[in-house]
Amino acid sequence: MKKLQFLFIVWLFPLLLISQNKISKSEVQKIIKESQIQKKNGRISLPSIKSWKFNNVDSLYFKSDTLIAIQNKTNTQNDFCKFIDWTFYQKKAFILGRCSFCKEPPSRMVTKYPKDYFSIAIYEVENKTMIDILRYDKMIVESFKVIKIESDEKFIKIKLVRRFIPKPYDEVY
């Protein structure tokens, strides 16, 4: 009987470790590094397939406490009518875009590269990976806890939970 209990515990322990699904700082940094777009003739093409896209129907990006960023691995496009995107052009810097394909003509607003940008700080607190979004490397405008990362052959999905509700981005544009 004790042998059976020991085998059960030995079998259960690795399962518990796997189920915790701790997301490391280096894992997030790797995804960002792979998301960086390359400049062509000193210019950036937006939106990029590599951009992190967030659904923004009914201003969901600004209202929801839980967000899912989708980064395409292939040329597959998302079915989002409206979305916010983060396009990384450096190791820790990105351009924020706001797109709407709901009506004709489609519209797109972006922060100005390179003088108007956001930077990202990734760090760990109590075994949880956090992301802070900074404006001009100085002021934290958003803060997230990384909850989950899923990957398949077409997409990487990064689930984020807000640590506080930000001010509207309307002053950004």
C-alpha atoms as a PDB file:
ATOM      1  CA  MET A   1       0.000   0.000   0.000  1.00  0.00           C
ATOM      2  CA  LYS A   2       2.804   2.423   0.859  1.00  0.00           C
ATOM      3  CA  LYS A   3       4.444   1.601  -2.442  1.00  0.00           C
ATOM      4  CA  LEU A   4       1.226   2.560  -4.251  1.00  0.00           C
ATOM      5  CA  GLN A   5       1.016   5.857  -2.348  1.00  0.00           C
ATOM      6  CA  PHE A   6       4.640   6.604  -3.199  1.00  0.00           C
ATOM      7  CA  LEU A   7       4.008   5.929  -6.899  1.00  0.00           C
ATOM      8  CA  PHE A   8       0.932   8.151  -6.825  1.00  0.00           C
ATOM      9  CA  ILE A   9       2.890  11.015  -5.246  1.00  0.00           C
ATOM     10  CA  VAL A  10       5.770  10.565  -7.707  1.00  0.00           C
ATOM     11  CA  TRP A  11       3.269  10.696 -10.579  1.00  0.00           C
ATOM     12  CA  LEU A  12       1.323  13.660  -9.135  1.00  0.00           C
ATOM     13  CA  PHE A  13       4.307  15.909  -8.327  1.00  0.00           C
ATOM     14  CA  PRO A  14       5.398  16.566 -11.960  1.00  0.00           C
ATOM     15  CA  LEU A  15       1.765  17.146 -12.899  1.00  0.00           C
ATOM     16  CA  LEU A  16       1.474  19.845 -10.235  1.00  0.00           C
ATOM     17  CA  LEU A  17       4.641  21.513 -11.478  1.00  0.00           C
ATOM     18  CA  ILE A  18       3.352  21.557 -15.046  1.00  0.00           C
ATOM     19  CA  SER A  19      -0.074  22.872 -14.026  1.00  0.00           C
ATOM     20  CA  GLN A  20       1.447  25.937 -12.356  1.00  0.00           C
ATOM     21  CA  ASN A  21       2.480  27.130 -15.830  1.00  0.00           C
ATOM     22  CA  LYS A  22       4.858  29.829 -14.581  1.00  0.00           C
ATOM     23  CA  ILE A  23       5.656  32.289 -17.319  1.00  0.00           C
ATOM     24  CA  SER A  24       9.204  33.529 -17.113  1.00  0.00           C
ATOM     25  CA  LYS A  25      10.589  36.952 -17.901  1.00  0.00           C
ATOM     26  CA  SER A  26      12.916  35.383 -20.476  1.00  0.00           C
ATOM     27  CA  GLU A  27       9.977  33.703 -22.242  1.00  0.00           C
ATOM     28  CA  VAL A  28       8.215  37.063 -22.668  1.00  0.00           C
ATOM     29  CA  GLN A  29      11.464  38.724 -23.764  1.00  0.00           C
ATOM     30  CA  LYS A  30      11.964  36.000 -26.370  1.00  0.00           C
ATOM     31  CA  ILE A  31       8.467  36.577 -27.802  1.00  0.00           C
ATOM     32  CA  ILE A  32       9.127  40.325 -27.976  1.00  0.00           C
ATOM     33  CA  LYS A  33      12.476  39.748 -29.674  1.00  0.00           C
ATOM     34  CA  GLU A  34      10.803  37.519 -32.270  1.00  0.00           C
ATOM     35  CA  SER A  35       8.059  40.152 -32.695  1.00  0.00           C
ATOM     36  CA  GLN A  36      10.473  42.914 -33.693  1.00  0.00           C
ATOM     37  CA  ILE A  37       9.994  44.154 -37.210  1.00  0.00           C
ATOM     38  CA  GLN A  38      12.875  45.002 -39.497  1.00  0.00           C
ATOM     39  CA  LYS A  39      13.188  48.425 -41.048  1.00  0.00           C
ATOM     40  CA  LYS A  40      13.175  48.563 -44.836  1.00  0.00           C
ATOM     41  CA  ASN A  41      15.051  51.544 -46.239  1.00  0.00           C
ATOM     42  CA  GLY A  42      14.891  53.149 -42.784  1.00  0.00           C
ATOM     43  CA  ARG A  43      11.085  52.860 -42.654  1.00  0.00           C
ATOM     44  CA  ILE A  44       8.631  50.709 -40.764  1.00  0.00           C
ATOM     45  CA  SER A  45       5.655  49.058 -42.443  1.00  0.00           C
ATOM     46  CA  LEU A  46       2.515  49.086 -40.274  1.00  0.00           C
ATOM     47  CA  PRO A  47       0.622  47.099 -39.198  1.00  0.00           C
ATOM     48  CA  SER A  48       3.018  44.193 -39.303  1.00  0.00           C
ATOM     49  CA  ILE A  49       2.192  40.499 -39.180  1.00  0.00           C
ATOM     50  CA  LYS A  50       4.436  40.407 -36.108  1.00  0.00           C
ATOM     51  CA  SER A  51       2.480  43.129 -34.244  1.00  0.00           C
ATOM     52  CA  TRP A  52       0.660  42.187 -31.050  1.00  0.00           C
ATOM     53  CA  LYS A  53      -3.032  42.790 -31.820  1.00  0.00           C
ATOM     54  CA  PHE A  54      -5.742  43.379 -29.228  1.00  0.00           C
ATOM     55  CA  ASN A  55      -9.455  43.299 -30.090  1.00  0.00           C
ATOM     56  CA  ASN A  56     -10.933  46.781 -29.575  1.00  0.00           C
ATOM     57  CA  VAL A  57     -14.626  46.410 -30.465  1.00  0.00           C
ATOM     58  CA  ASP A  58     -16.628  48.681 -28.122  1.00  0.00           C
ATOM     59  CA  SER A  59     -13.309  50.037 -26.774  1.00  0.00           C
ATOM     60  CA  LEU A  60     -12.660  46.651 -25.180  1.00  0.00           C
ATOM     61  CA  TYR A  61      -8.900  47.334 -25.011  1.00  0.00           C
ATOM     62  CA  PHE A  62      -9.468  50.329 -22.745  1.00  0.00           C
ATOM     63  CA  LYS A  63     -12.313  48.902 -20.615  1.00  0.00           C
ATOM     64  CA  SER A  64     -11.427  45.267 -20.009  1.00  0.00           C
ATOM     65  CA  ASP A  65      -9.245  44.101 -17.149  1.00  0.00           C
ATOM     66  CA  THR A  66      -8.158  41.012 -19.097  1.00  0.00           C
ATOM     67  CA  LEU A  67      -6.658  41.325 -22.578  1.00  0.00           C
ATOM     68  CA  ILE A  68      -5.431  38.791 -25.083  1.00  0.00           C
ATOM     69  CA  ALA A  69      -2.668  39.851 -27.448  1.00  0.00           C
ATOM     70  CA  ILE A  70      -2.473  37.831 -30.643  1.00  0.00           C
ATOM     71  CA  GLN A  71       0.762  37.701 -32.586  1.00  0.00           C
ATOM     72  CA  ASN A  72       0.603  35.984 -35.966  1.00  0.00           C
ATOM     73  CA  LYS A  73       3.202  33.396 -36.921  1.00  0.00           C
ATOM     74  CA  THR A  74       1.990  33.206 -40.509  1.00  0.00           C
ATOM     75  CA  ASN A  75       0.388  35.567 -42.985  1.00  0.00           C
ATOM     76  CA  THR A  76      -3.009  34.735 -41.445  1.00  0.00           C
ATOM     77  CA  GLN A  77      -5.003  37.834 -40.549  1.00  0.00           C
ATOM     78  CA  ASN A  78      -7.251  38.251 -37.524  1.00  0.00           C
ATOM     79  CA  ASP A  79     -10.957  38.851 -37.942  1.00  0.00           C
ATOM     80  CA  PHE A  80     -10.879  41.949 -35.756  1.00  0.00           C
ATOM     81  CA  CYS A  81     -13.010  44.833 -36.987  1.00  0.00           C
ATOM     82  CA  LYS A  82     -11.245  47.255 -34.618  1.00  0.00           C
ATOM     83  CA  PHE A  83      -7.963  46.593 -32.916  1.00  0.00           C
ATOM     84  CA  ILE A  84      -5.065  48.113 -31.023  1.00  0.00           C
ATOM     85  CA  ASP A  85      -1.606  46.927 -31.970  1.00  0.00           C
ATOM     86  CA  TRP A  86       1.837  47.103 -30.438  1.00  0.00           C
ATOM     87  CA  THR A  87       4.528  47.004 -33.136  1.00  0.00           C
ATOM     88  CA  PHE A  88       7.966  46.405 -31.652  1.00  0.00           C
ATOM     89  CA  TYR A  89      10.794  48.051 -33.576  1.00  0.00           C
ATOM     90  CA  GLN A  90      13.476  47.785 -30.864  1.00  0.00           C
ATOM     91  CA  LYS A  91      14.239  45.459 -28.006  1.00  0.00           C
ATOM     92  CA  LYS A  92      12.082  47.431 -25.574  1.00  0.00           C
ATOM     93  CA  ALA A  93      10.201  49.993 -27.683  1.00  0.00           C
ATOM     94  CA  PHE A  94       6.999  49.848 -29.701  1.00  0.00           C
ATOM     95  CA  ILE A  95       4.630  51.990 -31.689  1.00  0.00           C
ATOM     96  CA  LEU A  96       0.984  51.904 -30.636  1.00  0.00           C
ATOM     97  CA  GLY A  97      -1.603  51.767 -33.412  1.00  0.00           C
ATOM     98  CA  ARG A  98      -5.385  52.012 -33.500  1.00  0.00           C
ATOM     99  CA  CYS A  99      -7.125  50.450 -36.527  1.00  0.00           C
ATOM    100  CA  SER A 100     -10.705  50.210 -37.720  1.00  0.00           C
ATOM    101  CA  PHE A 101     -11.745  48.087 -40.668  1.00  0.00           C
ATOM    102  CA  CYS A 102     -15.458  48.182 -39.785  1.00  0.00           C
ATOM    103  CA  LYS A 103     -16.441  50.868 -42.285  1.00  0.00           C
ATOM    104  CA  GLU A 104     -15.130  52.126 -45.588  1.00  0.00           C
ATOM    105  CA  PRO A 105     -12.660  53.683 -45.787  1.00  0.00           C
ATOM    106  CA  PRO A 106     -10.614  51.862 -43.154  1.00  0.00           C
ATOM    107  CA  SER A 107      -8.759  54.098 -40.705  1.00  0.00           C
ATOM    108  CA  ARG A 108      -5.498  53.874 -38.806  1.00  0.00           C
ATOM    109  CA  MET A 109      -3.865  56.139 -36.224  1.00  0.00           C
ATOM    110  CA  VAL A 110      -0.373  55.500 -34.892  1.00  0.00           C
ATOM    111  CA  THR A 111       2.099  57.138 -32.605  1.00  0.00           C
ATOM    112  CA  LYS A 112       4.923  58.845 -34.506  1.00  0.00           C
ATOM    113  CA  TYR A 113       8.138  56.925 -34.964  1.00  0.00           C
ATOM    114  CA  PRO A 114      10.763  57.476 -33.530  1.00  0.00           C
ATOM    115  CA  LYS A 115       9.967  60.498 -31.341  1.00  0.00           C
ATOM    116  CA  ASP A 116       6.563  59.364 -30.054  1.00  0.00           C
ATOM    117  CA  TYR A 117       6.868  55.852 -28.684  1.00  0.00           C
ATOM    118  CA  PHE A 118       6.188  53.537 -25.784  1.00  0.00           C
ATOM    119  CA  SER A 119       8.713  51.356 -24.044  1.00  0.00           C
ATOM    120  CA  ILE A 120       8.192  48.151 -22.151  1.00  0.00           C
ATOM    121  CA  ALA A 121       9.671  46.969 -18.857  1.00  0.00           C
ATOM    122  CA  ILE A 122       9.470  43.280 -18.011  1.00  0.00           C
ATOM    123  CA  TYR A 123      10.194  42.074 -14.499  1.00  0.00           C
ATOM    124  CA  GLU A 124       9.258  39.405 -11.992  1.00  0.00           C
ATOM    125  CA  VAL A 125       7.521  39.911  -8.642  1.00  0.00           C
ATOM    126  CA  GLU A 126       6.714  36.956  -6.391  1.00  0.00           C
ATOM    127  CA  ASN A 127       7.191  34.461  -9.250  1.00  0.00           C
ATOM    128  CA  LYS A 128       4.825  36.374 -11.532  1.00  0.00           C
ATOM    129  CA  THR A 129       5.929  38.134 -14.700  1.00  0.00           C
ATOM    130  CA  MET A 130       4.852  41.759 -15.038  1.00  0.00           C
ATOM    131  CA  ILE A 131       4.880  44.164 -17.968  1.00  0.00           C
ATOM    132  CA  ASP A 132       4.867  47.942 -17.525  1.00  0.00           C
ATOM    133  CA  ILE A 133       4.191  50.222 -20.487  1.00  0.00           C
ATOM    134  CA  LEU A 134       6.070  53.504 -20.215  1.00  0.00           C
ATOM    135  CA  ARG A 135       5.642  56.716 -22.152  1.00  0.00           C
ATOM    136  CA  TYR A 136       8.972  58.242 -23.245  1.00  0.00           C
ATOM    137  CA  ASP A 137      10.774  55.823 -20.882  1.00  0.00           C
ATOM    138  CA  LYS A 138       9.519  57.832 -17.886  1.00  0.00           C
ATOM    139  CA  MET A 139       5.859  57.481 -16.937  1.00  0.00           C
ATOM    140  CA  ILE A 140       4.053  54.169 -16.431  1.00  0.00           C
ATOM    141  CA  VAL A 141       0.797  54.339 -18.386  1.00  0.00           C
ATOM    142  CA  GLU A 142      -0.222  50.685 -18.077  1.00  0.00           C
ATOM    143  CA  SER A 143       0.816  47.692 -16.033  1.00  0.00           C
ATOM    144  CA  PHE A 144      -0.037  44.043 -16.669  1.00  0.00           C
ATOM    145  CA  LYS A 145       0.493  40.643 -15.136  1.00  0.00           C
ATOM    146  CA  VAL A 146       1.221  37.939 -17.745  1.00  0.00           C
ATOM    147  CA  ILE A 147      -1.203  35.120 -17.013  1.00  0.00           C
ATOM    148  CA  LYS A 148      -0.858  32.696 -19.904  1.00  0.00           C
ATOM    149  CA  ILE A 149       0.970  32.141 -23.170  1.00  0.00           C
ATOM    150  CA  GLU A 150      -0.439  29.760 -25.761  1.00  0.00           C
ATOM    151  CA  SER A 151       1.158  28.890 -29.049  1.00  0.00           C
ATOM    152  CA  ASP A 152       0.056  26.921 -32.089  1.00  0.00           C
ATOM    153  CA  GLU A 153       1.125  26.841 -35.736  1.00  0.00           C
ATOM    154  CA  LYS A 154      -0.679  30.115 -36.596  1.00  0.00           C
ATOM    155  CA  PHE A 155      -0.701  32.324 -33.476  1.00  0.00           C
ATOM    156  CA  ILE A 156       0.873  33.160 -30.158  1.00  0.00           C
ATOM    157  CA  LYS A 157      -1.713  34.325 -27.611  1.00  0.00           C
ATOM    158  CA  ILE A 158      -0.550  36.284 -24.594  1.00  0.00           C
ATOM    159  CA  LYS A 159      -3.133  36.735 -21.852  1.00  0.00           C
ATOM    160  CA  LEU A 160      -2.609  39.857 -19.733  1.00  0.00           C
ATOM    161  CA  VAL A 161      -4.449  41.141 -16.666  1.00  0.00           C
ATOM    162  CA  ARG A 162      -4.326  44.851 -15.843  1.00  0.00           C
ATOM    163  CA  ARG A 163      -2.853  45.882 -12.552  1.00  0.00           C
ATOM    164  CA  PHE A 164      -4.654  49.256 -12.707  1.00  0.00           C
ATOM    165  CA  ILE A 165      -7.045  51.005 -15.105  1.00  0.00           C
ATOM    166  CA  PRO A 166      -5.205  53.526 -17.322  1.00  0.00           C
ATOM    167  CA  LYS A 167      -6.266  56.976 -18.400  1.00  0.00           C
ATOM    168  CA  PRO A 168      -7.715  57.075 -21.918  1.00  0.00           C
ATOM    169  CA  TYR A 169      -5.171  57.138 -24.714  1.00  0.00           C
ATOM    170  CA  ASP A 170      -6.978  59.959 -26.526  1.00  0.00           C
ATOM    171  CA  GLU A 171      -4.333  62.351 -25.287  1.00  0.00           C
ATOM    172  CA  VAL A 172      -1.717  60.169 -27.004  1.00  0.00           C
ATOM    173  CA  TYR A 173      -2.944  60.879 -30.521  1.00  0.00           C
END
